[in-house]
Amino acid sequence: MTDFVVIGGGIAGASAAARLSALGSVTLLEREDALAYHASGRSAALFEETYGKPSTVALNTASKDWHLDVNGSRDLPRGLMLVGREGNELAFATDMVSMHMRRLTMDEALDMVPVLDPARVTQVGYHAEAWDIDTDAAVQRFIRELRGNGGSVVTRAEVTAIEKTATGWRVTAGEDYETRAVVNAAGAWADEIAKMAGVTPLGLQPMRRSIARVAAPEGLDVSKWPIIFGPGEAWYAKPDAGALLISPADEEPSIPMDAWADDMVLAEGIALYEEHVTTPVQRMIANWAGLRTFAPDRCLVIGASERDGFWWCAGQGGYGFQTAPAASRLLADLVGGRAPELDGGTVAALSPSRFGSD
């Protein structure tokens, strides 16, 4: 018998398992060969405190010190640049306010990103308070905490059945795991896991996002460039180990699956980037896609279900890494019967009960 079975080995499950390991024994189950295989392994890896709904921003704020001072993001400054063209002034102005950006002159913008096209880019905003996240270090840090407290990780453990027992739950994943409580951190599969347990699904929707890794403009060092966004997050480009990641920021509804990129969608994203620069993309190095899973209101879901001992840690959308330190602490506070560090309004906005469960 283990106190907690956590289903899902992405950043949500890894962080939840680590925090819960201070409260009892924990077994983390992951269906793939390795942790962080799906969405967590395909993240753009950026910490931007103002990104997301108000409840997400509250989690970001509460996670900031962990990212900067524990996981090393303070040494990985990135910054965020917003570039607009004629016709998208309203979306640009909205992002400037919501993301607390300051306006740059074109000369200032060109000092940062020399390939911007002054003939087409009509407005530029900038926010320095954005950092890269070492995603592998974050996952491994939580796993070390879990194992340091006696917890275990089981890979190649696809859950096929969950049933209520007299003492808690039985989770079948190759073998049976008897547990006092189940934590559903299964990402795109979270609603499917809930159905297995007889828990009402929440209407979580996996959304595909595609990314191309392309060669940097010839002769230019892009390592210090900020991440570049189009207004309304219509596309983005981010430096990555001497190359650029370019995404059309697509959100294509999908079933839970090992997602792959669509060539036409990638081409659209690259074209959007090229509309703002003087140097066209010459070569694609690689491409991939991941599933970002959202609740209907696009806020995370953290808390108890209507069935005793079944907990949600799901709906991370595109905010899994940057919210994980605070989201996992909130889960552990709720499971442990402690007063959450987050304010009551935020806790309520994240609770599964907002969808009508008790």
Protein backbone atom coordinates (compact mmCIF):
# COMPACT_ATOMS: atom_id res chain seq x y z
CA MET A 1 0.00 0.00 0.00
CA THR A 2 1.27 3.42 -0.95
CA ASP A 3 -0.26 6.66 0.33
CA PHE A 4 -0.39 8.37 -3.07
CA VAL A 5 -0.34 7.20 -6.67
CA VAL A 6 0.37 10.04 -9.08
CA ILE A 7 -0.59 9.32 -12.68
CA GLY A 8 1.50 11.18 -15.25
CA GLY A 9 5.23 11.87 -15.42
CA GLY A 10 5.28 15.35 -16.94
CA ILE A 11 6.14 18.45 -14.94
CA ALA A 12 2.70 18.41 -13.28
CA GLY A 13 3.08 14.85 -12.03
CA ALA A 14 6.75 15.17 -11.11
CA SER A 15 6.17 18.31 -9.04
CA ALA A 16 3.00 16.94 -7.42
CA ALA A 17 4.76 13.70 -6.49
CA ALA A 18 7.68 15.63 -4.99
CA ARG A 19 5.47 17.83 -2.81
CA LEU A 20 3.29 14.92 -1.68
CA SER A 21 6.33 12.86 -0.73
CA ALA A 22 6.64 15.03 2.40
CA LEU A 23 3.18 13.79 3.44
CA GLY A 24 3.55 10.06 2.80
CA SER A 25 4.72 7.37 0.43
CA VAL A 26 4.33 8.14 -3.28
CA THR A 27 4.44 6.08 -6.47
CA LEU A 28 4.61 8.01 -9.74
CA LEU A 29 3.32 6.15 -12.81
CA GLU A 30 4.32 7.16 -16.36
CA ARG A 31 3.06 5.31 -19.44
CA GLU A 32 6.10 6.15 -21.61
CA ASP A 33 9.69 4.95 -21.38
CA ALA A 34 10.86 8.25 -19.88
CA LEU A 35 9.48 11.18 -17.92
CA ALA A 36 8.40 14.45 -19.60
CA TYR A 37 7.92 12.74 -22.96
CA HIS A 38 4.83 14.58 -24.22
CA ALA A 39 3.95 18.26 -23.61
CA SER A 40 6.63 18.76 -20.96
CA GLY A 41 9.35 17.56 -23.30
CA ARG A 42 8.22 19.95 -26.06
CA SER A 43 7.88 23.18 -24.10
CA ALA A 44 9.07 26.60 -25.27
CA ALA A 45 10.62 26.82 -21.77
CA LEU A 46 9.97 30.43 -20.83
CA PHE A 47 9.04 32.03 -17.52
CA GLU A 48 6.91 35.15 -18.06
CA GLU A 49 5.08 36.20 -14.92
CA THR A 50 2.26 38.12 -16.65
CA TYR A 51 1.35 35.31 -19.08
CA GLY A 52 -2.09 33.75 -18.63
CA LYS A 53 -5.40 34.19 -16.82
CA PRO A 54 -5.41 35.93 -13.39
CA SER A 55 -5.27 32.62 -11.51
CA THR A 56 -2.36 31.52 -13.71
CA VAL A 57 -0.54 34.80 -13.08
CA ALA A 58 -1.02 34.25 -9.34
CA LEU A 59 0.63 30.83 -9.68
CA ASN A 60 3.40 32.35 -11.79
CA THR A 61 4.09 34.99 -9.15
CA ALA A 62 4.18 32.40 -6.38
CA SER A 63 6.56 30.25 -8.49
CA LYS A 64 8.95 33.02 -9.49
CA ASP A 65 11.49 32.71 -6.68
CA TRP A 66 11.75 28.94 -7.21
CA HIS A 67 12.51 29.40 -10.89
CA LEU A 68 14.99 32.24 -10.43
CA ASP A 69 16.80 31.18 -7.28
CA VAL A 70 16.35 27.40 -7.02
CA ASN A 71 16.29 26.20 -10.63
CA GLY A 72 18.73 28.78 -11.98
CA SER A 73 16.61 30.87 -14.35
CA ARG A 74 18.12 34.09 -12.99
CA ASP A 75 21.23 33.14 -14.98
CA LEU A 76 19.14 32.62 -18.14
CA PRO A 77 17.71 36.08 -18.99
CA ARG A 78 15.70 36.16 -22.19
CA GLY A 79 13.34 39.14 -22.36
CA LEU A 80 10.22 39.39 -24.48
CA MET A 81 9.71 41.55 -27.57
CA LEU A 82 6.32 42.32 -29.12
CA VAL A 83 6.35 43.38 -32.77
CA GLY A 84 3.37 44.85 -34.58
CA ARG A 85 2.46 45.84 -38.11
CA GLU A 86 -0.11 48.16 -39.59
CA GLY A 87 -3.57 46.83 -38.88
CA ASN A 88 -2.98 45.12 -35.53
CA GLU A 89 -2.67 48.23 -33.36
CA LEU A 90 -5.51 47.20 -31.02
CA ALA A 91 -4.09 43.76 -30.28
CA PHE A 92 -0.66 45.32 -29.84
CA ALA A 93 -1.99 47.90 -27.36
CA THR A 94 -3.82 45.19 -25.40
CA ASP A 95 -0.66 43.09 -25.06
CA MET A 96 1.40 46.14 -24.10
CA VAL A 97 -0.88 46.75 -21.11
CA SER A 98 -1.48 43.14 -20.03
CA MET A 99 2.21 42.20 -20.21
CA HIS A 100 3.52 45.45 -18.68
CA MET A 101 5.69 46.28 -21.66
CA ARG A 102 7.46 49.49 -22.61
CA ARG A 103 7.60 50.86 -26.12
CA LEU A 104 10.93 50.73 -27.98
CA THR A 105 12.20 52.96 -30.75
CA MET A 106 13.12 51.13 -33.92
CA ASP A 107 16.81 51.81 -33.26
CA GLU A 108 16.50 50.20 -29.81
CA ALA A 109 14.68 47.23 -31.31
CA LEU A 110 17.30 46.78 -34.04
CA ASP A 111 20.06 46.79 -31.44
CA MET A 112 18.37 43.71 -29.94
CA VAL A 113 17.17 41.99 -33.13
CA PRO A 114 19.03 43.38 -36.16
CA VAL A 115 16.94 41.47 -38.72
CA LEU A 116 13.70 43.34 -37.97
CA ASP A 117 12.32 45.08 -41.04
CA PRO A 118 11.67 48.80 -40.32
CA ALA A 119 9.64 49.04 -43.52
CA ARG A 120 7.03 46.64 -42.15
CA VAL A 121 7.34 46.63 -38.36
CA THR A 122 5.54 49.74 -37.13
CA GLN A 123 5.58 49.25 -33.35
CA VAL A 124 7.74 47.38 -30.86
CA GLY A 125 7.28 46.65 -27.17
CA TYR A 126 9.68 45.04 -24.72
CA HIS A 127 9.57 43.41 -21.30
CA ALA A 128 12.86 42.41 -19.70
CA GLU A 129 11.30 40.26 -16.97
CA ALA A 130 11.31 36.95 -18.85
CA TRP A 131 13.74 34.08 -18.38
CA ASP A 132 14.48 30.73 -19.96
CA ILE A 133 13.60 27.63 -17.93
CA ASP A 134 15.96 24.67 -17.80
CA THR A 135 13.09 22.21 -18.13
CA ASP A 136 15.15 19.04 -17.69
CA ALA A 137 16.72 20.45 -14.53
CA ALA A 138 13.27 21.33 -13.18
CA VAL A 139 11.88 17.82 -13.72
CA GLN A 140 14.98 16.15 -12.29
CA ARG A 141 15.00 18.46 -9.28
CA PHE A 142 11.49 17.39 -8.37
CA ILE A 143 12.28 13.72 -9.00
CA ARG A 144 15.31 13.93 -6.69
CA GLU A 145 13.06 15.39 -4.01
CA LEU A 146 10.57 12.56 -4.53
CA ARG A 147 13.21 9.84 -4.34
CA GLY A 148 14.96 11.55 -1.45
CA ASN A 149 11.75 11.14 0.53
CA GLY A 150 11.49 7.45 -0.37
CA GLY A 151 9.14 7.79 -3.35
CA SER A 152 9.39 5.72 -6.52
CA VAL A 153 8.98 6.23 -10.28
CA VAL A 154 7.61 3.51 -12.54
CA THR A 155 7.85 4.03 -16.31
CA ARG A 156 6.17 1.91 -19.00
CA ALA A 157 3.20 1.85 -16.63
CA GLU A 158 0.09 2.61 -18.66
CA VAL A 159 -2.97 2.79 -16.42
CA THR A 160 -5.71 0.44 -17.65
CA ALA A 161 -8.10 0.34 -14.70
CA ILE A 162 -8.91 2.29 -11.53
CA GLU A 163 -11.38 1.09 -8.91
CA LYS A 164 -12.53 2.19 -5.47
CA THR A 165 -11.71 -0.12 -2.59
CA ALA A 166 -12.52 -0.25 1.11
CA THR A 167 -9.20 1.41 1.96
CA GLY A 168 -8.86 3.79 -0.99
CA TRP A 169 -8.13 2.91 -4.62
CA ARG A 170 -6.61 0.18 -6.77
CA VAL A 171 -4.75 1.39 -9.86
CA THR A 172 -3.83 -1.21 -12.48
CA ALA A 173 -0.80 -0.39 -14.62
CA GLY A 174 0.80 -3.70 -15.50
CA GLU A 175 0.47 -4.59 -11.84
CA ASP A 176 -1.96 -3.45 -9.15
CA TYR A 177 -1.12 -0.51 -6.91
CA GLU A 178 -3.17 -0.14 -3.72
CA THR A 179 -3.27 3.45 -2.56
CA ARG A 180 -5.04 5.82 -0.22
CA ALA A 181 -5.34 8.55 -2.86
CA VAL A 182 -4.95 9.06 -6.61
CA VAL A 183 -3.62 12.25 -8.21
CA ASN A 184 -4.63 12.71 -11.84
CA ALA A 185 -1.76 14.55 -13.55
CA ALA A 186 -2.17 12.77 -16.87
CA GLY A 187 -2.11 15.83 -19.14
CA ALA A 188 -3.99 15.20 -22.39
CA TRP A 189 -5.26 11.91 -20.95
CA ALA A 190 -6.60 13.40 -17.68
CA ASP A 191 -10.29 13.13 -18.60
CA GLU A 192 -9.75 9.53 -19.73
CA ILE A 193 -8.17 8.71 -16.36
CA ALA A 194 -11.12 10.34 -14.58
CA LYS A 195 -13.60 8.19 -16.52
CA MET A 196 -11.73 5.05 -15.47
CA ALA A 197 -12.19 6.08 -11.83
CA GLY A 198 -15.86 6.92 -12.19
CA VAL A 199 -15.09 10.62 -11.79
CA THR A 200 -16.93 13.19 -13.91
CA PRO A 201 -14.65 14.42 -16.72
CA LEU A 202 -14.17 18.17 -16.93
CA GLY A 203 -14.20 18.74 -20.67
CA LEU A 204 -10.43 19.09 -20.92
CA GLN A 205 -9.33 19.73 -24.50
CA PRO A 206 -5.87 18.89 -25.83
CA MET A 207 -4.72 21.49 -28.36
CA ARG A 208 -1.85 20.84 -30.76
CA ARG A 209 0.96 23.38 -31.04
CA SER A 210 3.61 23.01 -33.75
CA ILE A 211 7.22 24.18 -33.65
CA ALA A 212 9.94 24.38 -36.30
CA ARG A 213 13.63 24.61 -35.39
CA VAL A 214 15.33 26.61 -38.13
CA ALA A 215 18.86 27.77 -38.82
CA ALA A 216 19.72 31.21 -37.50
CA PRO A 217 20.28 34.01 -40.04
CA GLU A 218 23.75 33.47 -41.50
CA GLY A 219 26.54 35.18 -39.60
CA LEU A 220 24.35 36.25 -36.65
CA ASP A 221 24.55 35.14 -33.04
CA VAL A 222 20.93 34.89 -31.87
CA SER A 223 21.70 33.66 -28.36
CA LYS A 224 20.96 37.02 -26.72
CA TRP A 225 17.86 37.83 -28.74
CA PRO A 226 14.59 38.06 -26.80
CA ILE A 227 11.69 35.81 -27.60
CA ILE A 228 9.66 37.64 -30.27
CA PHE A 229 5.85 37.58 -30.32
CA GLY A 230 3.20 38.79 -32.71
CA PRO A 231 0.23 40.62 -31.10
CA GLY A 232 -2.34 38.28 -29.64
CA GLU A 233 0.33 35.55 -29.62
CA ALA A 234 -0.25 35.03 -33.33
CA TRP A 235 3.26 33.53 -33.67
CA TYR A 236 6.58 33.52 -31.85
CA ALA A 237 10.29 32.97 -32.45
CA LYS A 238 12.73 32.02 -29.69
CA PRO A 239 16.50 31.44 -29.72
CA ASP A 240 17.47 27.84 -29.04
CA ALA A 241 21.06 26.61 -28.90
CA GLY A 242 22.26 28.71 -31.84
CA ALA A 243 19.08 28.25 -33.88
CA LEU A 244 15.54 29.65 -33.75
CA LEU A 245 12.31 27.99 -32.70
CA ILE A 246 9.38 29.34 -34.71
CA SER A 247 5.75 28.54 -33.98
CA PRO A 248 2.47 29.80 -35.44
CA ALA A 249 1.12 29.46 -31.88
CA ASP A 250 -1.53 27.16 -33.30
CA GLU A 251 -4.25 25.61 -31.17
CA GLU A 252 -5.72 22.73 -33.12
CA PRO A 253 -8.13 20.50 -31.10
CA SER A 254 -6.82 16.96 -30.87
CA ILE A 255 -7.52 13.64 -29.24
CA PRO A 256 -4.90 12.53 -26.67
CA MET A 257 -1.99 11.24 -28.73
CA ASP A 258 1.71 11.51 -29.52
CA ALA A 259 1.30 14.65 -31.62
CA TRP A 260 3.20 15.57 -34.75
CA ALA A 261 3.54 18.84 -36.64
CA ASP A 262 1.59 19.67 -39.78
CA ASP A 263 3.80 20.92 -42.63
CA MET A 264 1.31 23.55 -43.76
CA VAL A 265 0.91 24.90 -40.24
CA LEU A 266 4.68 25.14 -39.87
CA ALA A 267 4.89 26.98 -43.18
CA GLU A 268 2.28 29.47 -41.97
CA GLY A 269 4.29 30.14 -38.80
CA ILE A 270 7.51 30.66 -40.71
CA ALA A 271 5.72 33.00 -43.13
CA LEU A 272 4.39 35.10 -40.23
CA TYR A 273 7.91 35.43 -38.85
CA GLU A 274 9.31 36.33 -42.27
CA GLU A 275 6.75 39.14 -42.64
CA HIS A 276 8.61 40.99 -39.87
CA VAL A 277 12.27 40.46 -40.82
CA THR A 278 14.69 41.12 -43.66
CA THR A 279 16.28 37.66 -43.76
CA PRO A 280 14.10 34.74 -44.90
CA VAL A 281 14.39 31.32 -43.30
CA GLN A 282 16.85 29.22 -45.29
CA ARG A 283 16.68 25.80 -43.63
CA MET A 284 14.50 23.81 -41.25
CA ILE A 285 16.54 21.64 -38.90
CA ALA A 286 13.72 19.78 -37.13
CA ASN A 287 10.08 20.07 -36.16
CA TRP A 288 7.66 18.67 -33.60
CA ALA A 289 4.32 19.30 -31.93
CA GLY A 290 2.94 19.00 -28.43
CA LEU A 291 -0.52 18.95 -26.86
CA ARG A 292 -1.39 21.81 -24.52
CA THR A 293 -4.48 20.74 -22.57
CA PHE A 294 -6.98 23.35 -21.41
CA ALA A 295 -10.01 23.33 -19.15
CA PRO A 296 -13.08 25.08 -20.65
CA ASP A 297 -12.19 28.36 -18.89
CA ARG A 298 -8.45 27.95 -19.66
CA CYS A 299 -7.52 27.97 -15.95
CA LEU A 300 -5.65 25.12 -14.30
CA VAL A 301 -7.58 22.50 -12.33
CA ILE A 302 -6.15 21.73 -8.89
CA GLY A 303 -8.09 20.11 -6.08
CA ALA A 304 -10.46 17.36 -4.98
CA SER A 305 -12.94 15.59 -7.22
CA GLU A 306 -16.43 14.51 -6.16
CA ARG A 307 -15.03 11.08 -5.18
CA ASP A 308 -13.06 10.85 -1.96
CA GLY A 309 -9.33 10.43 -2.49
CA PHE A 310 -9.26 11.34 -6.22
CA TRP A 311 -7.47 14.62 -6.90
CA TRP A 312 -7.01 16.72 -10.03
CA CYS A 313 -3.74 18.33 -11.11
CA ALA A 314 -4.55 19.04 -14.74
CA GLY A 315 -5.40 21.60 -17.42
CA GLN A 316 -1.94 23.21 -17.40
CA GLY A 317 -2.33 24.42 -20.98
CA GLY A 318 0.86 26.23 -21.93
CA TYR A 319 1.68 27.16 -18.35
CA GLY A 320 2.84 23.86 -16.84
CA PHE A 321 6.48 24.62 -16.14
CA GLN A 322 6.12 28.18 -14.97
CA THR A 323 3.24 27.35 -12.58
CA ALA A 324 4.50 23.97 -11.32
CA PRO A 325 6.25 25.09 -8.11
CA ALA A 326 3.17 26.89 -6.75
CA ALA A 327 0.58 24.56 -8.30
CA SER A 328 2.17 21.49 -6.70
CA ARG A 329 2.45 23.26 -3.35
CA LEU A 330 -1.24 24.17 -3.52
CA LEU A 331 -2.13 20.54 -4.24
CA ALA A 332 -0.06 19.34 -1.28
CA ASP A 333 -1.64 21.99 0.97
CA LEU A 334 -5.13 20.85 -0.02
CA VAL A 335 -4.33 17.14 0.32
CA GLY A 336 -2.62 17.73 3.65
CA GLY A 337 -5.45 19.84 5.05
CA ARG A 338 -3.24 22.93 5.37
CA ALA A 339 -4.27 26.50 4.70
CA PRO A 340 -3.05 27.32 1.17
CA GLU A 341 -0.46 30.03 0.73
CA LEU A 342 -2.45 31.39 -2.24
CA ASP A 343 -5.42 33.67 -1.66
CA GLY A 344 -8.92 32.25 -1.47
CA GLY A 345 -10.04 33.74 -4.78
CA THR A 346 -7.21 32.06 -6.65
CA VAL A 347 -7.82 28.72 -4.93
CA ALA A 348 -11.50 28.90 -5.89
CA ALA A 349 -10.65 29.81 -9.49
CA LEU A 350 -8.49 26.68 -9.73
CA SER A 351 -10.83 24.29 -7.91
CA PRO A 352 -12.62 21.52 -9.81
CA SER A 353 -15.77 22.53 -7.92
CA ARG A 354 -16.15 25.49 -10.30
CA PHE A 355 -17.45 22.98 -12.83
CA GLY A 356 -20.18 21.79 -10.49
CA SER A 357 -18.50 18.86 -8.68
CA ASP A 358 -18.65 18.77 -4.90
